[in-house]
């Protein structure tokens, strides 16, 4: 392998690595957005559960009173 071929091989590898890094960066950015969205949804759901269960303990003892 001569110097020209070695240089082309290295340039090809660098180009491939740059493309891979760009793809990984894009994927990470998408995941970060999705994680933020899910975090906000979880917070919202926790707030709703808290509102619905205020004053009412959750569990098996949460039965309606018997009708007389």
PDB file of N, CA and C in Angstrom:
ATOM      1  N   UNK A   1       0.854  -1.170   0.000  1.00  0.00           N
ATOM      2  CA  UNK A   1       0.000   0.000   0.000  1.00  0.00           C
ATOM      3  C   UNK A   1       0.902   1.236   0.000  1.00  0.00           C
ATOM      4  N   UNK A   2       0.672   2.109  -0.943  1.00  0.00           N
ATOM      5  CA  UNK A   2       1.496   3.311  -1.001  1.00  0.00           C
ATOM      6  C   UNK A   2       0.874   4.415  -0.143  1.00  0.00           C
ATOM      7  N   UNK A   3       1.582   5.533  -0.071  1.00  0.00           N
ATOM      8  CA  UNK A   3       1.135   6.642   0.777  1.00  0.00           C
ATOM      9  C   UNK A   3      -0.213   7.208   0.335  1.00  0.00           C
ATOM     10  N   UNK A   4      -0.428   7.261  -0.969  1.00  0.00           N
ATOM     11  CA  UNK A   4      -1.692   7.797  -1.491  1.00  0.00           C
ATOM     12  C   UNK A   4      -2.873   6.927  -1.065  1.00  0.00           C
ATOM     13  N   UNK A   5      -2.717   5.618  -1.164  1.00  0.00           N
ATOM     14  CA  UNK A   5      -3.781   4.702  -0.752  1.00  0.00           C
ATOM     15  C   UNK A   5      -4.022   4.775   0.753  1.00  0.00           C
ATOM     16  N   UNK A   6      -2.941   4.881   1.521  1.00  0.00           N
ATOM     17  CA  UNK A   6      -3.068   4.990   2.972  1.00  0.00           C
ATOM     18  C   UNK A   6      -3.813   6.269   3.346  1.00  0.00           C
ATOM     19  N   UNK A   7      -3.490   7.374   2.676  1.00  0.00           N
ATOM     20  CA  UNK A   7      -4.152   8.644   2.933  1.00  0.00           C
ATOM     21  C   UNK A   7      -5.642   8.553   2.586  1.00  0.00           C
ATOM     22  N   UNK A   8      -5.950   7.954   1.450  1.00  0.00           N
ATOM     23  CA  UNK A   8      -7.359   7.795   1.059  1.00  0.00           C
ATOM     24  C   UNK A   8      -8.115   6.914   2.052  1.00  0.00           C
ATOM     25  N   UNK A   9      -7.456   5.869   2.527  1.00  0.00           N
ATOM     26  CA  UNK A   9      -8.061   4.983   3.517  1.00  0.00           C
ATOM     27  C   UNK A   9      -8.370   5.751   4.800  1.00  0.00           C
ATOM     28  N   UNK A  10      -7.423   6.557   5.260  1.00  0.00           N
ATOM     29  CA  UNK A  10      -7.639   7.353   6.470  1.00  0.00           C
ATOM     30  C   UNK A  10      -8.747   8.387   6.274  1.00  0.00           C
ATOM     31  N   UNK A  11      -8.774   9.024   5.111  1.00  0.00           N
ATOM     32  CA  UNK A  11      -9.818   9.999   4.822  1.00  0.00           C
ATOM     33  C   UNK A  11     -11.188   9.338   4.790  1.00  0.00           C
ATOM     34  N   UNK A  12     -11.248   8.150   4.243  1.00  0.00           N
ATOM     35  CA  UNK A  12     -12.505   7.405   4.200  1.00  0.00           C
ATOM     36  C   UNK A  12     -12.973   7.059   5.612  1.00  0.00           C
ATOM     37  N   UNK A  13     -12.061   6.622   6.445  1.00  0.00           N
ATOM     38  CA  UNK A  13     -12.399   6.287   7.829  1.00  0.00           C
ATOM     39  C   UNK A  13     -12.882   7.513   8.591  1.00  0.00           C
ATOM     40  N   UNK A  14     -12.213   8.634   8.413  1.00  0.00           N
ATOM     41  CA  UNK A  14     -12.608   9.862   9.099  1.00  0.00           C
ATOM     42  C   UNK A  14     -14.003  10.287   8.648  1.00  0.00           C
ATOM     43  N   UNK A  15     -14.260  10.208   7.354  1.00  0.00           N
ATOM     44  CA  UNK A  15     -15.577  10.577   6.832  1.00  0.00           C
ATOM     45  C   UNK A  15     -16.661   9.665   7.413  1.00  0.00           C
ATOM     46  N   UNK A  16     -16.385   8.378   7.483  1.00  0.00           N
ATOM     47  CA  UNK A  16     -17.345   7.437   8.058  1.00  0.00           C
ATOM     48  C   UNK A  16     -17.586   7.744   9.529  1.00  0.00           C
ATOM     49  N   UNK A  17     -16.524   8.030  10.270  1.00  0.00           N
ATOM     50  CA  UNK A  17     -16.666   8.339  11.697  1.00  0.00           C
ATOM     51  C   UNK A  17     -17.435   9.644  11.908  1.00  0.00           C
ATOM     52  N   UNK A  18     -17.209  10.630  11.067  1.00  0.00           N
ATOM     53  CA  UNK A  18     -17.947  11.883  11.179  1.00  0.00           C
ATOM     54  C   UNK A  18     -19.433  11.654  10.922  1.00  0.00           C
ATOM     55  N   UNK A  19     -19.755  10.838   9.935  1.00  0.00           N
ATOM     56  CA  UNK A  19     -21.158  10.532   9.648  1.00  0.00           C
ATOM     57  C   UNK A  19     -21.785   9.779  10.821  1.00  0.00           C
ATOM     58  N   UNK A  20     -21.058   8.845  11.380  1.00  0.00           N
ATOM     59  CA  UNK A  20     -21.572   8.080  12.521  1.00  0.00           C
ATOM     60  C   UNK A  20     -21.796   8.993  13.725  1.00  0.00           C
ATOM     61  N   UNK A  21     -20.869   9.905  13.969  1.00  0.00           N
ATOM     62  CA  UNK A  21     -21.003  10.845  15.082  1.00  0.00           C
ATOM     63  C   UNK A  21     -22.223  11.735  14.865  1.00  0.00           C
ATOM     64  N   UNK A  22     -22.439  12.201  13.638  1.00  0.00           N
ATOM     65  CA  UNK A  22     -23.608  13.036  13.338  1.00  0.00           C
ATOM     66  C   UNK A  22     -24.899  12.270  13.576  1.00  0.00           C
ATOM     67  N   UNK A  23     -24.942  11.011  13.165  1.00  0.00           N
ATOM     68  CA  UNK A  23     -26.139  10.190  13.374  1.00  0.00           C
ATOM     69  C   UNK A  23     -26.399   9.980  14.865  1.00  0.00           C
ATOM     70  N   UNK A  24     -25.344   9.693  15.614  1.00  0.00           N
ATOM     71  CA  UNK A  24     -25.498   9.493  17.053  1.00  0.00           C
ATOM     72  C   UNK A  24     -25.935  10.775  17.747  1.00  0.00           C
ATOM     73  N   UNK A  25     -25.400  11.882  17.309  1.00  0.00           N
ATOM     74  CA  UNK A  25     -25.778  13.173  17.883  1.00  0.00           C
ATOM     75  C   UNK A  25     -27.249  13.472  17.620  1.00  0.00           C
ATOM     76  N   UNK A  26     -27.709  13.211  16.404  1.00  0.00           N
ATOM     77  CA  UNK A  26     -29.119  13.416  16.071  1.00  0.00           C
ATOM     78  C   UNK A  26     -30.019  12.504  16.908  1.00  0.00           C
ATOM     79  N   UNK A  27     -29.627  11.259  17.051  1.00  0.00           N
ATOM     80  CA  UNK A  27     -30.414  10.311  17.835  1.00  0.00           C
ATOM     81  C   UNK A  27     -30.470  10.751  19.299  1.00  0.00           C
ATOM     82  N   UNK A  28     -29.365  11.211  19.821  1.00  0.00           N
ATOM     83  CA  UNK A  28     -29.321  11.677  21.204  1.00  0.00           C
ATOM     84  C   UNK A  28     -30.210  12.901  21.389  1.00  0.00           C
ATOM     85  N   UNK A  29     -30.206  13.818  20.445  1.00  0.00           N
ATOM     86  CA  UNK A  29     -31.050  15.012  20.524  1.00  0.00           C
ATOM     87  C   UNK A  29     -32.526  14.616  20.508  1.00  0.00           C
ATOM     88  N   UNK A  30     -32.902  13.669  19.640  1.00  0.00           N
ATOM     89  CA  UNK A  30     -34.298  13.203  19.586  1.00  0.00           C
ATOM     90  C   UNK A  30     -34.695  12.538  20.911  1.00  0.00           C
ATOM     91  N   UNK A  31     -33.805  11.737  21.460  1.00  0.00           N
ATOM     92  CA  UNK A  31     -34.105  11.057  22.719  1.00  0.00           C
ATOM     93  C   UNK A  31     -34.231  12.057  23.869  1.00  0.00           C
ATOM     94  N   UNK A  32     -33.421  13.079  23.850  1.00  0.00           N
ATOM     95  CA  UNK A  32     -33.488  14.104  24.890  1.00  0.00           C
ATOM     96  C   UNK A  32     -34.840  14.827  24.834  1.00  0.00           C
ATOM     97  N   UNK A  33     -35.305  15.138  23.630  1.00  0.00           N
ATOM     98  CA  UNK A  33     -36.616  15.785  23.465  1.00  0.00           C
ATOM     99  C   UNK A  33     -37.717  14.851  23.951  1.00  0.00           C
ATOM    100  N   UNK A  34     -37.640  13.583  23.569  1.00  0.00           N
ATOM    101  CA  UNK A  34     -38.647  12.605  23.972  1.00  0.00           C
ATOM    102  C   UNK A  34     -38.639  12.398  25.488  1.00  0.00           C
ATOM    103  N   UNK A  35     -37.469  12.354  26.085  1.00  0.00           N
ATOM    104  CA  UNK A  35     -37.364  12.184  27.534  1.00  0.00           C
ATOM    105  C   UNK A  35     -37.959  13.382  28.263  1.00  0.00           C
ATOM    106  N   UNK A  36     -37.708  14.566  27.768  1.00  0.00           N
ATOM    107  CA  UNK A  36     -38.279  15.770  28.367  1.00  0.00           C
ATOM    108  C   UNK A  36     -39.801  15.737  28.272  1.00  0.00           C
ATOM    109  N   UNK A  37     -40.305  15.327  27.119  1.00  0.00           N
ATOM    110  CA  UNK A  37     -41.754  15.224  26.909  1.00  0.00           C
ATOM    111  C   UNK A  37     -42.358  14.210  27.886  1.00  0.00           C
ATOM    112  N   UNK A  38     -41.738  13.052  28.025  1.00  0.00           N
ATOM    113  CA  UNK A  38     -42.235  12.021  28.933  1.00  0.00           C
ATOM    114  C   UNK A  38     -42.163  12.478  30.384  1.00  0.00           C
ATOM    115  N   UNK A  39     -41.127  13.202  30.723  1.00  0.00           N
ATOM    116  CA  UNK A  39     -40.983  13.712  32.081  1.00  0.00           C
ATOM    117  C   UNK A  39     -42.113  14.679  32.414  1.00  0.00           C
ATOM    118  N   UNK A  40     -42.442  15.568  31.464  1.00  0.00           N
ATOM    119  CA  UNK A  40     -43.551  16.501  31.686  1.00  0.00           C
ATOM    120  C   UNK A  40     -44.873  15.747  31.796  1.00  0.00           C
ATOM    121  N   UNK A  41     -45.065  14.724  30.960  1.00  0.00           N
ATOM    122  CA  UNK A  41     -46.294  13.927  31.027  1.00  0.00           C
ATOM    123  C   UNK A  41     -46.404  13.200  32.369  1.00  0.00           C
ATOM    124  N   UNK A  42     -45.310  12.649  32.851  1.00  0.00           N
ATOM    125  CA  UNK A  42     -45.306  11.947  34.128  1.00  0.00           C
ATOM    126  C   UNK A  42     -45.639  12.902  35.265  1.00  0.00           C
ATOM    127  N   UNK A  43     -45.063  14.085  35.220  1.00  0.00           N
ATOM    128  CA  UNK A  43     -45.352  15.091  36.247  1.00  0.00           C
ATOM    129  C   UNK A  43     -46.836  15.443  36.218  1.00  0.00           C
ATOM    130  N   UNK A  44     -47.379  15.637  35.014  1.00  0.00           N
ATOM    131  CA  UNK A  44     -48.796  15.962  34.866  1.00  0.00           C
ATOM    132  C   UNK A  44     -49.681  14.834  35.416  1.00  0.00           C
ATOM    133  N   UNK A  45     -49.344  13.598  35.082  1.00  0.00           N
ATOM    134  CA  UNK A  45     -50.125  12.460  35.568  1.00  0.00           C
ATOM    135  C   UNK A  45     -50.044  12.328  37.078  1.00  0.00           C
ATOM    136  N   UNK A  46     -48.865  12.568  37.637  1.00  0.00           N
ATOM    137  CA  UNK A  46     -48.725  12.525  39.093  1.00  0.00           C
ATOM    138  C   UNK A  46     -49.589  13.585  39.751  1.00  0.00           C
ATOM    139  N   UNK A  47     -49.649  14.773  39.158  1.00  0.00           N
ATOM    140  CA  UNK A  47     -50.497  15.842  39.687  1.00  0.00           C
ATOM    141  C   UNK A  47     -51.969  15.432  39.627  1.00  0.00           C
ATOM    142  N   UNK A  48     -52.392  14.830  38.505  1.00  0.00           N
ATOM    143  CA  UNK A  48     -53.780  14.387  38.366  1.00  0.00           C
ATOM    144  C   UNK A  48     -54.124  13.320  39.406  1.00  0.00           C
ATOM    145  N   UNK A  49     -53.236  12.369  39.600  1.00  0.00           N
ATOM    146  CA  UNK A  49     -53.473  11.308  40.586  1.00  0.00           C
ATOM    147  C   UNK A  49     -53.580  11.913  41.969  1.00  0.00           C
ATOM    148  N   UNK A  50     -52.711  12.855  42.265  1.00  0.00           N
ATOM    149  CA  UNK A  50     -52.735  13.512  43.571  1.00  0.00           C
ATOM    150  C   UNK A  50     -54.049  14.259  43.768  1.00  0.00           C
ATOM    151  N   UNK A  51     -54.520  14.959  42.737  1.00  0.00           N
ATOM    152  CA  UNK A  51     -55.787  15.679  42.825  1.00  0.00           C
ATOM    153  C   UNK A  51     -56.963  14.726  43.033  1.00  0.00           C
ATOM    154  N   UNK A  52     -56.959  13.623  42.304  1.00  0.00           N
ATOM    155  CA  UNK A  52     -58.063  12.678  42.391  1.00  0.00           C
ATOM    156  C   UNK A  52     -58.089  11.916  43.711  1.00  0.00           C
ATOM    157  N   UNK A  53     -56.933  11.726  44.299  1.00  0.00           N
ATOM    158  CA  UNK A  53     -56.883  10.918  45.514  1.00  0.00           C
ATOM    159  C   UNK A  53     -56.825  11.754  46.785  1.00  0.00           C
ATOM    160  N   UNK A  54     -56.920  13.059  46.677  1.00  0.00           N
ATOM    161  CA  UNK A  54     -56.898  13.887  47.885  1.00  0.00           C
ATOM    162  C   UNK A  54     -58.067  13.524  48.777  1.00  0.00           C
ATOM    163  N   UNK A  55     -57.756  13.239  50.022  1.00  0.00           N
ATOM    164  CA  UNK A  55     -58.792  12.900  50.974  1.00  0.00           C
ATOM    165  C   UNK A  55     -59.309  11.488  50.852  1.00  0.00           C
ATOM    166  N   UNK A  56     -58.877  10.773  49.872  1.00  0.00           N
ATOM    167  CA  UNK A  56     -59.330   9.392  49.686  1.00  0.00           C
ATOM    168  C   UNK A  56     -58.110   8.481  49.628  1.00  0.00           C
ATOM    169  N   UNK A  57     -57.903   7.703  50.674  1.00  0.00           N
ATOM    170  CA  UNK A  57     -56.748   6.797  50.630  1.00  0.00           C
ATOM    171  C   UNK A  57     -56.926   5.746  49.538  1.00  0.00           C
ATOM    172  N   UNK A  58     -55.876   5.480  48.842  1.00  0.00           N
ATOM    173  CA  UNK A  58     -55.922   4.455  47.806  1.00  0.00           C
ATOM    174  C   UNK A  58     -55.689   3.097  48.437  1.00  0.00           C
ATOM    175  N   UNK A  59     -56.382   2.105  47.977  1.00  0.00           N
ATOM    176  CA  UNK A  59     -56.177   0.761  48.489  1.00  0.00           C
ATOM    177  C   UNK A  59     -57.474  -0.007  48.556  1.00  0.00           C
ATOM    178  N   UNK A  60     -57.421  -1.166  49.204  1.00  0.00           N
ATOM    179  CA  UNK A  60     -58.575  -2.055  49.268  1.00  0.00           C
ATOM    180  C   UNK A  60     -59.673  -1.515  50.177  1.00  0.00           C
ATOM    181  N   UNK A  61     -59.332  -0.674  51.137  1.00  0.00           N
ATOM    182  CA  UNK A  61     -60.314  -0.150  52.077  1.00  0.00           C
ATOM    183  C   UNK A  61     -61.150   0.971  51.479  1.00  0.00           C
ATOM    184  N   UNK A  62     -60.898   1.331  50.258  1.00  0.00           N
ATOM    185  CA  UNK A  62     -61.616   2.403  49.598  1.00  0.00           C
ATOM    186  C   UNK A  62     -62.895   1.856  48.945  1.00  0.00           C
ATOM    187  N   UNK A  63     -63.761   1.281  49.773  1.00  0.00           N
ATOM    188  CA  UNK A  63     -65.011   0.671  49.310  1.00  0.00           C
ATOM    189  C   UNK A  63     -66.164   1.628  49.601  1.00  0.00           C
ATOM    190  N   UNK A  64     -67.162   1.633  48.743  1.00  0.00           N
ATOM    191  CA  UNK A  64     -68.326   2.453  49.042  1.00  0.00           C
ATOM    192  C   UNK A  64     -69.089   1.884  50.250  1.00  0.00           C
ATOM    193  N   UNK A  65     -69.753   2.736  51.001  1.00  0.00           N
ATOM    194  CA  UNK A  65     -70.494   2.210  52.165  1.00  0.00           C
ATOM    195  C   UNK A  65     -71.653   1.324  51.719  1.00  0.00           C
ATOM    196  N   UNK A  66     -72.028   0.367  52.559  1.00  0.00           N
ATOM    197  CA  UNK A  66     -73.153  -0.530  52.188  1.00  0.00           C
ATOM    198  C   UNK A  66     -74.465   0.263  52.210  1.00  0.00           C
ATOM    199  N   UNK A  67     -75.370  -0.120  51.334  1.00  0.00           N
ATOM    200  CA  UNK A  67     -76.670   0.532  51.293  1.00  0.00           C
ATOM    201  C   UNK A  67     -77.605  -0.171  52.262  1.00  0.00           C
ATOM    202  N   UNK A  68     -78.403   0.630  52.988  1.00  0.00           N
ATOM    203  CA  UNK A  68     -79.312   0.056  53.971  1.00  0.00           C
ATOM    204  C   UNK A  68     -80.702   0.001  53.439  1.00  0.00           C
TER     205      UNK A  68
END
